[in-house]
Amino acid sequence: MFVDTHVHLNADQYDNDVDEVIHRALEVGVERMIVVGFDRKTITKAMELIEKHSFIYAVVGWHPVDAIDCTEEDLVWIESLAAHPKVVGIGETGLDYHWDKSPKDVQQQLFRKQIRLAQKVELPIIIHNRDATADVVRILKEEEADITGGIMHCFGGSVETAKECIDMNFMISLGGPVTFKNAKMPKEVATEIPLQYLLIETDAPYLAPHPYRGKRNEPAWVTFVAEEIANLKGISIEEVANKTTANALKIFNIT
């Protein structure tokens, strides 16, 4: 059994075949999927999916790229949705300095607000970090994010940064890039970080693993992530599946 801890089945790319995509995932043992909503449209679609499928759960929050569009009303709405028993996290939030749609100070302010919201509703927080590691780690420490802990989504940083995040009560989630030949740091993290701190994800429809790199990703392919971690650690894929599943169920408080 596998858990895809971060997937966007609510993306437009699945509008025509989401049921088939879900079926393929179930066929290969991906028995739970965490769908992440990050704006009004994707959150609404995530909520629809969790009502339809017993094995799908939702994370709700606001993406840093679109921070400039987020209103106080949006945050109140997200907080209200957090009361749903199948909403299991807040996010994805964080910082993204690659794109310049939202100014850094606006991103940081919204990031802090969502950390506080997660603390208020007592849910883990799912972190998006692109080209902003120093500020992400600093803000997590300043806001005492270890109170709720959470997940460093699609982690691409160093082993040292991974350990720093683990010390703040965060899990390290690896996705498709760990399977790329030139992915030095993700492979080092997969090798050196103990399995008890690791999760697996696809971030589908993005970041498809080798040998499907460049294609539309889907949750069934989280098995390639698990297989690569198993190879790097010299253990069985079953051990990776069992432990990362247990980790996911624990952090999301899913029975």
Protein backbone atom coordinates (compact mmCIF):
# COMPACT_ATOMS: atom_id res chain seq x y z
CA MET A 1 0.00 0.00 0.00
CA PHE A 2 1.16 3.50 -0.86
CA VAL A 3 -0.02 6.98 0.09
CA ASP A 4 0.46 9.81 -2.39
CA THR A 5 0.81 12.62 0.14
CA HIS A 6 0.59 15.47 -2.38
CA VAL A 7 -1.41 15.29 -5.59
CA HIS A 8 -3.49 17.78 -7.58
CA LEU A 9 -6.34 15.62 -8.89
CA ASN A 10 -8.21 18.94 -8.80
CA ALA A 11 -6.07 20.31 -11.65
CA ASP A 12 -7.57 21.14 -15.02
CA GLN A 13 -5.30 18.52 -16.61
CA TYR A 14 -7.57 15.79 -15.17
CA ASP A 15 -10.92 17.29 -16.13
CA ASN A 16 -11.57 14.64 -18.80
CA ASP A 17 -10.32 11.47 -17.09
CA VAL A 18 -9.95 11.88 -13.33
CA ASP A 19 -11.89 8.67 -12.61
CA GLU A 20 -9.53 6.66 -14.82
CA VAL A 21 -6.50 8.27 -13.18
CA ILE A 22 -7.82 7.38 -9.74
CA HIS A 23 -8.57 3.82 -10.86
CA ARG A 24 -5.02 3.32 -12.14
CA ALA A 25 -3.66 4.48 -8.79
CA LEU A 26 -5.85 2.08 -6.86
CA GLU A 27 -4.83 -0.78 -9.16
CA VAL A 28 -1.15 -0.45 -8.19
CA GLY A 29 -1.82 -0.10 -4.46
CA VAL A 30 -2.04 3.67 -3.98
CA GLU A 31 -4.85 3.32 -1.49
CA ARG A 32 -4.93 6.88 -0.18
CA MET A 33 -4.38 10.20 -1.92
CA ILE A 34 -4.05 13.64 -0.36
CA VAL A 35 -5.40 16.27 -2.76
CA VAL A 36 -4.00 19.75 -2.23
CA GLY A 37 -6.08 22.85 -2.93
CA PHE A 38 -4.28 26.18 -3.09
CA ASP A 39 -6.84 28.75 -4.29
CA ARG A 40 -10.63 29.11 -4.50
CA LYS A 41 -11.04 26.90 -7.57
CA THR A 42 -8.74 24.06 -6.56
CA ILE A 43 -9.93 24.00 -2.95
CA THR A 44 -13.55 23.72 -4.10
CA LYS A 45 -12.65 20.81 -6.39
CA ALA A 46 -10.66 19.13 -3.61
CA MET A 47 -13.68 19.30 -1.31
CA GLU A 48 -15.83 17.71 -4.00
CA LEU A 49 -13.35 14.85 -4.40
CA ILE A 50 -13.25 14.02 -0.69
CA GLU A 51 -17.03 13.82 -0.60
CA LYS A 52 -17.05 11.44 -3.55
CA HIS A 53 -14.19 9.09 -2.56
CA SER A 54 -13.63 7.57 0.88
CA PHE A 55 -9.87 7.18 0.28
CA ILE A 56 -9.18 10.79 -0.77
CA TYR A 57 -8.38 13.52 1.77
CA ALA A 58 -7.77 17.23 1.34
CA VAL A 59 -5.24 19.86 2.32
CA VAL A 60 -6.46 23.45 1.98
CA GLY A 61 -4.45 26.66 1.85
CA TRP A 62 -3.14 29.40 -0.42
CA HIS A 63 -0.15 29.12 -2.74
CA PRO A 64 2.65 31.69 -2.30
CA VAL A 65 2.78 32.52 -6.02
CA ASP A 66 -0.80 33.79 -5.73
CA ALA A 67 -0.38 35.39 -2.29
CA ILE A 68 -1.25 38.80 -3.69
CA ASP A 69 -4.76 37.52 -4.55
CA CYS A 70 -5.56 36.11 -1.10
CA THR A 71 -8.06 38.06 1.03
CA GLU A 72 -8.95 37.87 4.71
CA GLU A 73 -12.27 36.39 3.55
CA ASP A 74 -10.37 33.58 1.82
CA LEU A 75 -8.50 32.78 5.03
CA VAL A 76 -11.74 32.72 7.03
CA TRP A 77 -13.17 30.30 4.46
CA ILE A 78 -10.10 28.06 4.67
CA GLU A 79 -10.37 28.03 8.46
CA SER A 80 -14.02 26.98 8.22
CA LEU A 81 -13.17 24.12 5.86
CA ALA A 82 -10.51 22.89 8.29
CA ALA A 83 -13.31 21.65 10.53
CA HIS A 84 -14.20 18.99 7.95
CA PRO A 85 -13.06 15.56 9.21
CA LYS A 86 -11.37 14.78 5.89
CA VAL A 87 -9.40 18.03 5.72
CA VAL A 88 -6.07 16.91 7.13
CA GLY A 89 -3.65 19.81 6.63
CA ILE A 90 -3.15 23.48 5.83
CA GLY A 91 -1.30 24.42 2.64
CA GLU A 92 0.36 24.36 0.42
CA THR A 93 1.87 27.55 1.71
CA GLY A 94 5.39 28.88 1.95
CA LEU A 95 7.56 31.01 -0.31
CA ASP A 96 8.28 30.97 -4.03
CA TYR A 97 10.96 33.39 -5.22
CA HIS A 98 11.20 31.83 -8.68
CA TRP A 99 8.06 33.57 -9.94
CA ASP A 100 7.56 37.28 -9.28
CA LYS A 101 3.76 37.60 -9.33
CA SER A 102 3.57 38.20 -5.57
CA PRO A 103 6.13 40.41 -3.80
CA LYS A 104 8.31 38.70 -1.20
CA ASP A 105 6.85 40.69 1.71
CA VAL A 106 3.29 39.76 0.68
CA GLN A 107 4.27 36.09 0.45
CA GLN A 108 5.93 36.19 3.86
CA GLN A 109 2.97 37.85 5.50
CA LEU A 110 0.54 35.26 4.12
CA PHE A 111 2.92 32.44 5.06
CA ARG A 112 2.93 33.60 8.67
CA LYS A 113 -0.87 33.88 8.70
CA GLN A 114 -1.26 30.32 7.46
CA ILE A 115 1.20 28.95 10.01
CA ARG A 116 -0.88 30.63 12.72
CA LEU A 117 -4.07 29.30 11.15
CA ALA A 118 -2.64 25.76 11.21
CA GLN A 119 -1.78 26.19 14.87
CA LYS A 120 -5.30 27.42 15.60
CA VAL A 121 -7.02 24.48 13.90
CA GLU A 122 -4.33 22.02 15.05
CA LEU A 123 -3.42 20.63 11.64
CA PRO A 124 -0.01 20.01 10.06
CA ILE A 125 1.22 22.59 7.57
CA ILE A 126 2.41 21.68 4.08
CA ILE A 127 5.34 23.80 2.90
CA HIS A 128 6.12 24.92 -0.65
CA ASN A 129 9.67 26.25 -1.01
CA ARG A 130 11.23 27.40 -4.24
CA ASP A 131 14.45 29.39 -4.19
CA ALA A 132 13.64 30.65 -0.68
CA THR A 133 15.13 28.16 1.77
CA ALA A 134 16.73 30.62 4.19
CA ASP A 135 13.54 32.67 4.59
CA VAL A 136 11.32 29.59 4.81
CA VAL A 137 13.40 28.09 7.63
CA ARG A 138 13.68 31.45 9.43
CA ILE A 139 9.92 32.07 9.36
CA LEU A 140 9.12 28.52 10.47
CA LYS A 141 11.38 29.05 13.47
CA GLU A 142 10.06 32.54 14.27
CA GLU A 143 6.44 31.36 14.10
CA GLU A 144 7.14 28.23 16.18
CA ALA A 145 5.84 26.01 13.40
CA ASP A 146 7.11 22.96 15.30
CA ILE A 147 3.91 23.24 17.39
CA THR A 148 1.95 21.63 14.56
CA GLY A 149 4.82 20.32 12.48
CA GLY A 150 4.14 19.38 8.93
CA ILE A 151 5.66 18.40 5.62
CA MET A 152 8.38 19.85 3.44
CA HIS A 153 6.64 19.16 0.14
CA CYS A 154 8.70 17.90 -2.81
CA PHE A 155 11.88 18.57 -0.88
CA GLY A 156 14.83 19.57 -3.04
CA GLY A 157 17.26 20.91 -0.47
CA SER A 158 20.37 19.57 1.18
CA VAL A 159 20.71 16.86 3.82
CA GLU A 160 21.66 19.60 6.30
CA THR A 161 18.48 21.57 5.58
CA ALA A 162 16.42 18.37 5.81
CA LYS A 163 17.84 17.68 9.27
CA GLU A 164 17.08 21.27 10.31
CA CYS A 165 13.47 20.81 9.22
CA ILE A 166 13.21 17.45 10.97
CA ASP A 167 14.36 19.17 14.16
CA MET A 168 11.36 21.51 13.71
CA ASN A 169 8.95 18.55 13.62
CA PHE A 170 8.67 18.38 9.83
CA MET A 171 8.63 15.32 7.59
CA ILE A 172 10.59 15.27 4.34
CA SER A 173 8.53 14.38 1.27
CA LEU A 174 10.24 13.22 -1.91
CA GLY A 175 8.68 13.24 -5.36
CA GLY A 176 9.55 12.50 -8.97
CA PRO A 177 12.83 14.47 -9.02
CA VAL A 178 14.49 11.84 -6.81
CA THR A 179 14.32 9.53 -9.84
CA PHE A 180 16.12 11.98 -12.17
CA LYS A 181 19.70 11.01 -13.06
CA ASN A 182 21.11 14.45 -12.20
CA ALA A 183 19.14 14.93 -8.97
CA LYS A 184 22.13 14.92 -6.64
CA MET A 185 20.57 16.44 -3.51
CA PRO A 186 17.26 14.52 -3.52
CA LYS A 187 19.21 11.27 -3.91
CA GLU A 188 21.50 12.23 -1.02
CA VAL A 189 18.47 13.04 1.15
CA ALA A 190 16.80 9.73 0.23
CA THR A 191 20.00 7.88 1.09
CA GLU A 192 20.93 9.62 4.34
CA ILE A 193 17.66 10.64 6.00
CA PRO A 194 16.14 7.78 8.03
CA LEU A 195 12.97 6.27 6.59
CA GLN A 196 11.01 7.30 9.70
CA TYR A 197 11.17 10.91 8.50
CA LEU A 198 10.31 10.34 4.84
CA LEU A 199 7.10 10.56 2.82
CA ILE A 200 6.44 9.99 -0.88
CA GLU A 201 4.39 12.08 -3.28
CA THR A 202 3.85 12.83 -6.96
CA ASP A 203 2.79 16.51 -7.06
CA ALA A 204 0.86 15.26 -10.10
CA PRO A 205 0.17 16.44 -12.75
CA TYR A 206 3.65 17.97 -12.37
CA LEU A 207 7.13 16.47 -11.96
CA ALA A 208 6.55 13.04 -13.46
CA PRO A 209 9.25 10.53 -12.45
CA HIS A 210 11.66 8.75 -14.77
CA PRO A 211 10.83 7.09 -17.18
CA TYR A 212 7.84 9.39 -17.72
CA ARG A 213 9.65 12.68 -17.17
CA GLY A 214 7.98 15.49 -19.12
CA LYS A 215 4.60 13.75 -19.33
CA ARG A 216 1.50 14.44 -17.27
CA ASN A 217 2.15 12.86 -13.90
CA GLU A 218 -0.41 10.77 -12.02
CA PRO A 219 -0.67 9.24 -8.54
CA ALA A 220 -0.05 5.68 -9.77
CA TRP A 221 3.52 6.72 -10.48
CA VAL A 222 4.34 7.36 -6.82
CA THR A 223 5.50 3.74 -6.94
CA PHE A 224 8.54 4.87 -8.98
CA VAL A 225 9.47 7.28 -6.18
CA ALA A 226 9.23 4.48 -3.62
CA GLU A 227 11.27 2.16 -5.84
CA GLU A 228 14.08 4.72 -6.20
CA ILE A 229 14.22 5.31 -2.44
CA ALA A 230 14.35 1.54 -1.90
CA ASN A 231 17.21 1.22 -4.38
CA LEU A 232 19.17 4.08 -2.82
CA LYS A 233 18.75 2.66 0.68
CA GLY A 234 19.33 -0.94 -0.34
CA ILE A 235 16.00 -2.10 1.11
CA SER A 236 12.81 -3.56 -0.34
CA ILE A 237 10.09 -1.44 -1.91
CA GLU A 238 7.69 -3.12 0.53
CA GLU A 239 9.61 -1.65 3.45
CA VAL A 240 9.49 1.81 1.89
CA ALA A 241 5.77 1.44 1.18
CA ASN A 242 4.94 0.24 4.68
CA LYS A 243 6.95 2.87 6.54
CA THR A 244 6.04 5.87 4.39
CA THR A 245 2.38 4.84 4.61
CA ALA A 246 2.60 4.61 8.39
CA ASN A 247 4.32 8.02 8.45
CA ALA A 248 1.59 9.57 6.30
CA LEU A 249 -1.28 8.14 8.33
CA LYS A 250 0.34 9.43 11.50
CA ILE A 251 1.07 12.98 10.39
CA PHE A 252 -2.37 13.38 8.82
CA ASN A 253 -4.10 11.60 11.71
CA ILE A 254 -5.83 9.18 9.35
CA THR A 255 -7.02 5.79 10.63
